Amino acid sequence: MVKLKVPQVQPSDRFTKVGESHGKIWEVVEVWTAVDGISHVRLRSCDNLGGLITIAAGVLCDLNFWRVVRTAE
């Protein structure tokens, strides 16, 4: 059996979808590994309209689909 590398994603990390014109920002609120061994993340929309989505962590870390949003510290 092949062991999959678990992407390093943590709660409070922020991302935006590639190709979205409005640039909605999504924040990681939960990270877990499902019974099949695949890491998943739950994302919350950072706008005040609400919204939750759940995706595989590997997809979130794929630069073809999502980009990290850097915050000023």
C-alpha atoms as a PDB file:
ATOM      1  CA  MET A   1       0.000   0.000   0.000  1.00  0.00           C
ATOM      2  CA  VAL A   2       1.265   3.455  -0.919  1.00  0.00           C
ATOM      3  CA  LYS A   3       1.387   6.002   1.900  1.00  0.00           C
ATOM      4  CA  LEU A   4       0.112   9.376   0.748  1.00  0.00           C
ATOM      5  CA  LYS A   5       1.896  12.544   1.814  1.00  0.00           C
ATOM      6  CA  VAL A   6      -0.423  14.629   3.971  1.00  0.00           C
ATOM      7  CA  PRO A   7      -0.474  18.279   2.859  1.00  0.00           C
ATOM      8  CA  GLN A   8       0.474  20.768   5.570  1.00  0.00           C
ATOM      9  CA  VAL A   9      -2.738  22.722   6.017  1.00  0.00           C
ATOM     10  CA  GLN A  10      -3.776  24.218   9.346  1.00  0.00           C
ATOM     11  CA  PRO A  11      -6.829  26.013  10.710  1.00  0.00           C
ATOM     12  CA  SER A  12      -6.746  29.755   9.951  1.00  0.00           C
ATOM     13  CA  ASP A  13      -4.843  29.239   6.656  1.00  0.00           C
ATOM     14  CA  ARG A  14      -6.544  31.243   3.892  1.00  0.00           C
ATOM     15  CA  PHE A  15      -7.001  30.408   0.224  1.00  0.00           C
ATOM     16  CA  THR A  16      -8.696  31.721  -2.888  1.00  0.00           C
ATOM     17  CA  LYS A  17      -9.893  29.726  -5.898  1.00  0.00           C
ATOM     18  CA  VAL A  18      -7.871  30.077  -9.086  1.00  0.00           C
ATOM     19  CA  GLY A  19      -9.787  31.859 -11.828  1.00  0.00           C
ATOM     20  CA  GLU A  20     -12.485  33.459  -9.673  1.00  0.00           C
ATOM     21  CA  SER A  21     -12.924  37.070 -10.697  1.00  0.00           C
ATOM     22  CA  HIS A  22     -14.315  38.257  -7.354  1.00  0.00           C
ATOM     23  CA  GLY A  23     -11.466  36.765  -5.290  1.00  0.00           C
ATOM     24  CA  LYS A  24     -13.538  35.277  -2.466  1.00  0.00           C
ATOM     25  CA  ILE A  25     -11.292  34.214   0.419  1.00  0.00           C
ATOM     26  CA  TRP A  26     -11.792  30.917   2.249  1.00  0.00           C
ATOM     27  CA  GLU A  27     -10.375  30.072   5.674  1.00  0.00           C
ATOM     28  CA  VAL A  28      -9.562  26.576   6.939  1.00  0.00           C
ATOM     29  CA  VAL A  29     -11.652  25.809  10.025  1.00  0.00           C
ATOM     30  CA  GLU A  30     -11.057  22.062  10.358  1.00  0.00           C
ATOM     31  CA  VAL A  31      -8.611  19.439   9.107  1.00  0.00           C
ATOM     32  CA  TRP A  32      -9.150  15.688   9.532  1.00  0.00           C
ATOM     33  CA  THR A  33      -8.348  12.337   7.992  1.00  0.00           C
ATOM     34  CA  ALA A  34     -11.338  10.322   6.792  1.00  0.00           C
ATOM     35  CA  VAL A  35     -11.670   6.569   7.287  1.00  0.00           C
ATOM     36  CA  ASP A  36     -10.203   6.018   3.804  1.00  0.00           C
ATOM     37  CA  GLY A  37      -6.984   7.775   4.882  1.00  0.00           C
ATOM     38  CA  ILE A  38      -7.532  10.911   2.802  1.00  0.00           C
ATOM     39  CA  SER A  39      -7.072  14.283   4.535  1.00  0.00           C
ATOM     40  CA  HIS A  40      -9.964  16.700   4.178  1.00  0.00           C
ATOM     41  CA  VAL A  41     -10.465  20.330   5.087  1.00  0.00           C
ATOM     42  CA  ARG A  42     -13.544  22.363   5.870  1.00  0.00           C
ATOM     43  CA  LEU A  43     -13.387  25.919   4.576  1.00  0.00           C
ATOM     44  CA  ARG A  44     -15.472  28.884   5.695  1.00  0.00           C
ATOM     45  CA  SER A  45     -16.083  31.879   3.460  1.00  0.00           C
ATOM     46  CA  CYS A  46     -14.495  35.034   4.890  1.00  0.00           C
ATOM     47  CA  ASP A  47     -17.207  37.305   3.504  1.00  0.00           C
ATOM     48  CA  ASN A  48     -20.203  37.970   5.698  1.00  0.00           C
ATOM     49  CA  LEU A  49     -22.496  35.910   3.491  1.00  0.00           C
ATOM     50  CA  GLY A  50     -21.535  32.609   5.095  1.00  0.00           C
ATOM     51  CA  GLY A  51     -20.748  29.396   3.327  1.00  0.00           C
ATOM     52  CA  LEU A  52     -18.896  26.188   4.134  1.00  0.00           C
ATOM     53  CA  ILE A  53     -17.270  23.727   1.758  1.00  0.00           C
ATOM     54  CA  THR A  54     -15.391  20.484   2.347  1.00  0.00           C
ATOM     55  CA  ILE A  55     -12.656  19.297  -0.015  1.00  0.00           C
ATOM     56  CA  ALA A  56      -9.681  16.960  -0.038  1.00  0.00           C
ATOM     57  CA  ALA A  57      -6.556  18.638   1.372  1.00  0.00           C
ATOM     58  CA  GLY A  58      -4.607  17.526  -1.697  1.00  0.00           C
ATOM     59  CA  VAL A  59      -6.908  19.546  -3.952  1.00  0.00           C
ATOM     60  CA  LEU A  60      -6.550  22.597  -1.705  1.00  0.00           C
ATOM     61  CA  CYS A  61      -2.758  22.354  -2.042  1.00  0.00           C
ATOM     62  CA  ASP A  62      -2.900  21.998  -5.842  1.00  0.00           C
ATOM     63  CA  LEU A  63      -1.825  25.339  -7.363  1.00  0.00           C
ATOM     64  CA  ASN A  64      -3.989  24.625 -10.412  1.00  0.00           C
ATOM     65  CA  PHE A  65      -7.104  25.030  -8.247  1.00  0.00           C
ATOM     66  CA  TRP A  66      -6.266  27.109  -5.139  1.00  0.00           C
ATOM     67  CA  ARG A  67      -3.787  29.820  -4.105  1.00  0.00           C
ATOM     68  CA  VAL A  68      -2.604  30.681  -0.607  1.00  0.00           C
ATOM     69  CA  VAL A  69      -3.618  34.144   0.586  1.00  0.00           C
ATOM     70  CA  ARG A  70      -0.775  35.780   2.490  1.00  0.00           C
ATOM     71  CA  THR A  71      -1.745  38.009   5.393  1.00  0.00           C
ATOM     72  CA  ALA A  72       0.338  40.915   6.681  1.00  0.00           C
ATOM     73  CA  GLU A  73       1.813  40.212  10.097  1.00  0.00           C
END
